[in-house]
Amino acid sequence: MKILVVDDEKNILKLYKAELEDEGYEIVIANSGKEAIELFKTDKPDLVTLDIMMPDMDGIQVLRQLKQEDPQVPVIMLTAYDYRDDFSVWVSDAYVVKSSDLTTLKTTIKQIIEKK
């Protein structure tokens, strides 16, 4: 399974890439919204983890474009802030608060895969 990990923080990208590759996933990383959209079109990931707060395009803008490109691809929104009240209006498949402990993210990825 190929996962596109999108975050503007390089340390987060390194951590997520290493941890998710250890789980057996193929990881493609993007450090901006624009790069994410380009890689989404060329690499055709099976799942996307997407940071909400990014400088060039926020995650909600990227989410909309990804879902226009492929409405079926699962997207997990990641953020350091708790937006749970707003989550219900987004078209993402899940919402995870960022942490250096990736247990919740890994569990969420597995749950989404099982649903497919």
N, C-alpha and C. Protein backbone atom coordinates (compact mmCIF):
# COMPACT_ATOMS: atom_id res chain seq x y z
N MET A 1 0.84 -1.18 0.00
CA MET A 1 0.00 0.00 0.00
C MET A 1 0.89 1.24 0.00
N LYS A 2 0.55 2.18 -0.87
CA LYS A 2 1.30 3.42 -0.99
C LYS A 2 0.55 4.53 -0.27
N ILE A 3 1.29 5.24 0.62
CA ILE A 3 0.72 6.34 1.39
C ILE A 3 1.46 7.62 1.07
N LEU A 4 0.71 8.66 0.75
CA LEU A 4 1.27 10.00 0.56
C LEU A 4 1.14 10.73 1.89
N VAL A 5 2.29 11.14 2.45
CA VAL A 5 2.33 11.87 3.72
C VAL A 5 2.65 13.32 3.40
N VAL A 6 1.76 14.22 3.82
CA VAL A 6 1.88 15.65 3.49
C VAL A 6 2.01 16.45 4.77
N ASP A 7 3.14 17.17 4.91
CA ASP A 7 3.37 18.02 6.07
C ASP A 7 4.46 19.02 5.72
N ASP A 8 4.37 20.23 6.23
CA ASP A 8 5.39 21.23 5.93
C ASP A 8 6.58 21.16 6.88
N GLU A 9 6.52 20.31 7.89
CA GLU A 9 7.62 20.16 8.84
C GLU A 9 8.46 18.93 8.46
N LYS A 10 9.72 19.20 8.11
CA LYS A 10 10.60 18.11 7.64
C LYS A 10 10.81 17.02 8.69
N ASN A 11 10.90 17.40 9.97
CA ASN A 11 11.11 16.39 11.02
C ASN A 11 9.90 15.46 11.14
N ILE A 12 8.72 16.01 10.98
CA ILE A 12 7.49 15.19 11.00
C ILE A 12 7.52 14.22 9.82
N LEU A 13 7.89 14.71 8.64
CA LEU A 13 7.94 13.85 7.45
C LEU A 13 8.92 12.70 7.67
N LYS A 14 10.10 12.99 8.23
CA LYS A 14 11.09 11.93 8.47
C LYS A 14 10.55 10.89 9.45
N LEU A 15 9.95 11.37 10.53
CA LEU A 15 9.40 10.46 11.55
C LEU A 15 8.31 9.58 10.96
N TYR A 16 7.34 10.19 10.29
CA TYR A 16 6.23 9.43 9.73
C TYR A 16 6.70 8.45 8.66
N LYS A 17 7.63 8.89 7.82
CA LYS A 17 8.17 8.02 6.77
C LYS A 17 8.82 6.78 7.39
N ALA A 18 9.70 6.99 8.36
CA ALA A 18 10.41 5.87 9.00
C ALA A 18 9.43 4.92 9.71
N GLU A 19 8.53 5.49 10.49
CA GLU A 19 7.58 4.66 11.26
C GLU A 19 6.63 3.87 10.35
N LEU A 20 6.13 4.52 9.32
CA LEU A 20 5.17 3.84 8.44
C LEU A 20 5.85 2.84 7.51
N GLU A 21 7.09 3.13 7.11
CA GLU A 21 7.84 2.13 6.33
C GLU A 21 8.11 0.90 7.18
N ASP A 22 8.36 1.09 8.47
CA ASP A 22 8.55 -0.06 9.38
C ASP A 22 7.30 -0.93 9.46
N GLU A 23 6.14 -0.34 9.17
CA GLU A 23 4.88 -1.09 9.17
C GLU A 23 4.65 -1.78 7.82
N GLY A 24 5.56 -1.55 6.85
CA GLY A 24 5.45 -2.21 5.56
C GLY A 24 4.80 -1.39 4.45
N TYR A 25 4.53 -0.12 4.72
CA TYR A 25 3.91 0.74 3.71
C TYR A 25 4.97 1.40 2.84
N GLU A 26 4.62 1.65 1.58
CA GLU A 26 5.46 2.45 0.70
C GLU A 26 5.06 3.91 0.93
N ILE A 27 6.04 4.76 1.24
CA ILE A 27 5.75 6.13 1.62
C ILE A 27 6.29 7.12 0.60
N VAL A 28 5.43 8.03 0.19
CA VAL A 28 5.79 9.17 -0.66
C VAL A 28 5.55 10.40 0.19
N ILE A 29 6.51 11.34 0.22
CA ILE A 29 6.34 12.52 1.06
C ILE A 29 6.26 13.80 0.23
N ALA A 30 5.48 14.74 0.75
CA ALA A 30 5.35 16.07 0.15
C ALA A 30 5.38 17.09 1.28
N ASN A 31 6.14 18.18 1.08
CA ASN A 31 6.21 19.17 2.16
C ASN A 31 5.45 20.45 1.85
N SER A 32 4.54 20.37 0.88
CA SER A 32 3.65 21.51 0.60
C SER A 32 2.38 20.99 -0.06
N GLY A 33 1.36 21.82 -0.03
CA GLY A 33 0.10 21.44 -0.66
C GLY A 33 0.22 21.25 -2.15
N LYS A 34 0.94 22.17 -2.79
CA LYS A 34 1.12 22.08 -4.24
C LYS A 34 1.87 20.82 -4.63
N GLU A 35 2.93 20.50 -3.89
CA GLU A 35 3.69 19.28 -4.17
C GLU A 35 2.81 18.05 -3.95
N ALA A 36 1.97 18.10 -2.93
CA ALA A 36 1.06 16.97 -2.63
C ALA A 36 0.13 16.71 -3.81
N ILE A 37 -0.43 17.75 -4.37
CA ILE A 37 -1.36 17.59 -5.49
C ILE A 37 -0.65 17.00 -6.70
N GLU A 38 0.57 17.47 -6.97
CA GLU A 38 1.35 16.93 -8.10
C GLU A 38 1.66 15.45 -7.88
N LEU A 39 2.14 15.11 -6.68
CA LEU A 39 2.49 13.72 -6.38
C LEU A 39 1.26 12.82 -6.37
N PHE A 40 0.15 13.35 -5.93
CA PHE A 40 -1.10 12.58 -5.92
C PHE A 40 -1.46 12.16 -7.34
N LYS A 41 -1.29 13.07 -8.29
CA LYS A 41 -1.63 12.78 -9.68
C LYS A 41 -0.65 11.79 -10.31
N THR A 42 0.63 11.89 -9.97
CA THR A 42 1.64 11.04 -10.62
C THR A 42 1.83 9.70 -9.91
N ASP A 43 1.78 9.70 -8.57
CA ASP A 43 2.10 8.49 -7.82
C ASP A 43 0.90 7.64 -7.45
N LYS A 44 -0.31 8.20 -7.56
CA LYS A 44 -1.55 7.47 -7.30
C LYS A 44 -1.51 6.69 -5.97
N PRO A 45 -1.40 7.41 -4.84
CA PRO A 45 -1.36 6.71 -3.55
C PRO A 45 -2.70 6.06 -3.22
N ASP A 46 -2.63 5.07 -2.33
CA ASP A 46 -3.82 4.38 -1.86
C ASP A 46 -4.47 5.10 -0.69
N LEU A 47 -3.70 5.96 -0.02
CA LEU A 47 -4.18 6.67 1.16
C LEU A 47 -3.32 7.92 1.32
N VAL A 48 -3.89 8.97 1.92
CA VAL A 48 -3.15 10.22 2.14
C VAL A 48 -3.29 10.63 3.59
N THR A 49 -2.16 11.03 4.22
CA THR A 49 -2.22 11.72 5.50
C THR A 49 -1.89 13.17 5.20
N LEU A 50 -2.70 14.08 5.70
CA LEU A 50 -2.63 15.47 5.25
C LEU A 50 -2.67 16.43 6.43
N ASP A 51 -1.60 17.21 6.57
CA ASP A 51 -1.54 18.24 7.60
C ASP A 51 -2.53 19.35 7.26
N ILE A 52 -3.17 19.91 8.26
CA ILE A 52 -4.13 20.99 8.01
C ILE A 52 -3.44 22.33 7.84
N MET A 53 -2.51 22.65 8.73
CA MET A 53 -1.87 23.97 8.72
C MET A 53 -0.57 23.93 7.92
N MET A 54 -0.61 24.48 6.70
CA MET A 54 0.58 24.58 5.85
C MET A 54 0.61 25.97 5.24
N PRO A 55 1.80 26.49 4.92
CA PRO A 55 1.89 27.87 4.47
C PRO A 55 1.37 28.15 3.06
N ASP A 56 1.58 27.27 2.11
CA ASP A 56 1.21 27.59 0.72
C ASP A 56 -0.28 27.36 0.44
N MET A 57 -0.79 26.26 0.89
CA MET A 57 -2.21 25.90 0.78
C MET A 57 -2.54 25.17 2.06
N ASP A 58 -3.68 25.47 2.67
CA ASP A 58 -4.01 24.70 3.87
C ASP A 58 -4.54 23.33 3.47
N GLY A 59 -4.56 22.45 4.44
CA GLY A 59 -4.97 21.07 4.18
C GLY A 59 -6.38 20.93 3.65
N ILE A 60 -7.27 21.85 4.02
CA ILE A 60 -8.65 21.78 3.54
C ILE A 60 -8.70 22.06 2.04
N GLN A 61 -7.91 23.03 1.58
CA GLN A 61 -7.84 23.32 0.14
C GLN A 61 -7.28 22.12 -0.62
N VAL A 62 -6.24 21.52 -0.06
CA VAL A 62 -5.63 20.34 -0.70
C VAL A 62 -6.63 19.18 -0.71
N LEU A 63 -7.30 18.98 0.41
CA LEU A 63 -8.29 17.91 0.51
C LEU A 63 -9.34 18.03 -0.59
N ARG A 64 -9.86 19.21 -0.79
CA ARG A 64 -10.87 19.42 -1.83
C ARG A 64 -10.34 19.03 -3.21
N GLN A 65 -9.11 19.42 -3.50
CA GLN A 65 -8.55 19.10 -4.82
C GLN A 65 -8.29 17.61 -4.97
N LEU A 66 -7.81 16.97 -3.90
CA LEU A 66 -7.56 15.53 -3.97
C LEU A 66 -8.86 14.77 -4.19
N LYS A 67 -9.91 15.18 -3.49
CA LYS A 67 -11.20 14.50 -3.62
C LYS A 67 -11.84 14.75 -4.99
N GLN A 68 -11.54 15.89 -5.61
CA GLN A 68 -12.02 16.12 -6.98
C GLN A 68 -11.30 15.19 -7.95
N GLU A 69 -10.02 14.98 -7.69
CA GLU A 69 -9.20 14.10 -8.54
C GLU A 69 -9.62 12.64 -8.37
N ASP A 70 -9.82 12.21 -7.12
CA ASP A 70 -10.22 10.83 -6.83
C ASP A 70 -11.06 10.81 -5.55
N PRO A 71 -12.38 10.84 -5.68
CA PRO A 71 -13.25 10.89 -4.49
C PRO A 71 -13.15 9.65 -3.60
N GLN A 72 -12.60 8.56 -4.11
CA GLN A 72 -12.55 7.32 -3.35
C GLN A 72 -11.32 7.19 -2.46
N VAL A 73 -10.28 7.98 -2.71
CA VAL A 73 -9.05 7.81 -1.94
C VAL A 73 -9.28 8.25 -0.49
N PRO A 74 -8.89 7.41 0.47
CA PRO A 74 -9.04 7.79 1.87
C PRO A 74 -8.02 8.87 2.26
N VAL A 75 -8.48 9.85 3.03
CA VAL A 75 -7.61 10.93 3.50
C VAL A 75 -7.77 11.06 5.01
N ILE A 76 -6.63 11.05 5.70
CA ILE A 76 -6.59 11.26 7.14
C ILE A 76 -6.03 12.65 7.38
N MET A 77 -6.82 13.51 8.01
CA MET A 77 -6.37 14.86 8.34
C MET A 77 -5.55 14.82 9.62
N LEU A 78 -4.39 15.49 9.60
CA LEU A 78 -3.51 15.56 10.77
C LEU A 78 -3.35 17.00 11.20
N THR A 79 -3.37 17.23 12.50
CA THR A 79 -3.16 18.57 13.01
C THR A 79 -2.67 18.54 14.44
N ALA A 80 -2.00 19.60 14.82
CA ALA A 80 -1.56 19.74 16.21
C ALA A 80 -2.70 20.31 17.05
N TYR A 81 -3.74 20.82 16.40
CA TYR A 81 -4.85 21.45 17.10
C TYR A 81 -6.08 20.54 17.05
N ASP A 82 -6.92 20.67 18.04
CA ASP A 82 -8.10 19.83 18.11
C ASP A 82 -9.29 20.54 17.45
N TYR A 83 -9.60 20.12 16.22
CA TYR A 83 -10.70 20.71 15.44
C TYR A 83 -11.91 19.78 15.41
N ARG A 84 -12.08 18.94 16.39
CA ARG A 84 -13.12 17.93 16.33
C ARG A 84 -14.50 18.47 15.98
N ASP A 85 -14.84 19.64 16.47
CA ASP A 85 -16.17 20.19 16.17
C ASP A 85 -16.33 20.49 14.69
N ASP A 86 -15.24 20.87 14.03
CA ASP A 86 -15.29 21.19 12.61
C ASP A 86 -15.16 19.97 11.72
N PHE A 87 -14.66 18.87 12.26
CA PHE A 87 -14.34 17.69 11.47
C PHE A 87 -15.53 17.16 10.69
N SER A 88 -16.70 17.21 11.26
CA SER A 88 -17.87 16.62 10.62
C SER A 88 -18.22 17.26 9.27
N VAL A 89 -17.75 18.48 9.02
CA VAL A 89 -18.07 19.12 7.75
C VAL A 89 -17.02 18.83 6.68
N TRP A 90 -15.93 18.20 7.06
CA TRP A 90 -14.88 17.90 6.09
C TRP A 90 -15.18 16.58 5.40
N VAL A 91 -14.57 16.38 4.25
CA VAL A 91 -14.83 15.18 3.46
C VAL A 91 -13.74 14.14 3.69
N SER A 92 -12.94 14.31 4.72
CA SER A 92 -11.88 13.34 4.98
C SER A 92 -12.47 12.10 5.63
N ASP A 93 -11.67 11.06 5.66
CA ASP A 93 -12.13 9.79 6.21
C ASP A 93 -11.85 9.65 7.70
N ALA A 94 -10.89 10.43 8.19
CA ALA A 94 -10.53 10.38 9.60
C ALA A 94 -9.77 11.64 9.98
N TYR A 95 -9.62 11.80 11.29
CA TYR A 95 -8.98 12.97 11.85
C TYR A 95 -8.10 12.49 12.99
N VAL A 96 -6.79 12.86 12.97
CA VAL A 96 -5.87 12.43 14.02
C VAL A 96 -5.08 13.64 14.50
N VAL A 97 -5.00 13.81 15.81
CA VAL A 97 -4.17 14.87 16.39
C VAL A 97 -2.73 14.39 16.33
N LYS A 98 -1.83 15.25 15.81
CA LYS A 98 -0.42 14.89 15.67
C LYS A 98 0.20 14.56 17.01
N SER A 99 1.10 13.60 16.97
CA SER A 99 1.84 13.19 18.15
C SER A 99 3.11 12.48 17.71
N SER A 100 4.13 12.49 18.55
CA SER A 100 5.34 11.72 18.23
C SER A 100 5.08 10.22 18.40
N ASP A 101 4.01 9.88 19.12
CA ASP A 101 3.57 8.50 19.23
C ASP A 101 2.55 8.26 18.12
N LEU A 102 2.92 7.44 17.15
CA LEU A 102 2.07 7.25 15.97
C LEU A 102 1.07 6.11 16.11
N THR A 103 0.85 5.64 17.32
CA THR A 103 -0.07 4.52 17.53
C THR A 103 -1.47 4.82 16.98
N THR A 104 -2.00 6.00 17.29
CA THR A 104 -3.36 6.34 16.82
C THR A 104 -3.39 6.41 15.30
N LEU A 105 -2.38 7.02 14.71
CA LEU A 105 -2.34 7.10 13.24
C LEU A 105 -2.25 5.72 12.62
N LYS A 106 -1.38 4.88 13.13
CA LYS A 106 -1.23 3.52 12.59
C LYS A 106 -2.54 2.73 12.71
N THR A 107 -3.20 2.87 13.84
CA THR A 107 -4.48 2.18 14.06
C THR A 107 -5.53 2.69 13.07
N THR A 108 -5.56 3.99 12.88
CA THR A 108 -6.52 4.59 11.95
C THR A 108 -6.27 4.11 10.53
N ILE A 109 -5.01 4.05 10.12
CA ILE A 109 -4.67 3.56 8.78
C ILE A 109 -5.16 2.12 8.62
N LYS A 110 -4.90 1.27 9.61
CA LYS A 110 -5.32 -0.13 9.53
C LYS A 110 -6.85 -0.24 9.45
N GLN A 111 -7.55 0.57 10.21
CA GLN A 111 -9.02 0.54 10.18
C GLN A 111 -9.55 0.93 8.80
N ILE A 112 -8.95 1.94 8.20
CA ILE A 112 -9.37 2.38 6.87
C ILE A 112 -9.09 1.30 5.83
N ILE A 113 -7.94 0.67 5.93
CA ILE A 113 -7.59 -0.41 4.99
C ILE A 113 -8.58 -1.55 5.10
N GLU A 114 -8.94 -1.90 6.34
CA GLU A 114 -9.89 -3.00 6.55
C GLU A 114 -11.26 -2.69 5.96
N LYS A 115 -11.66 -1.42 5.98
CA LYS A 115 -12.95 -1.03 5.40
C LYS A 115 -12.96 -1.16 3.89
N LYS A 116 -11.79 -0.96 3.27
CA LYS A 116 -11.70 -1.08 1.82
C LYS A 116 -11.79 -2.51 1.45
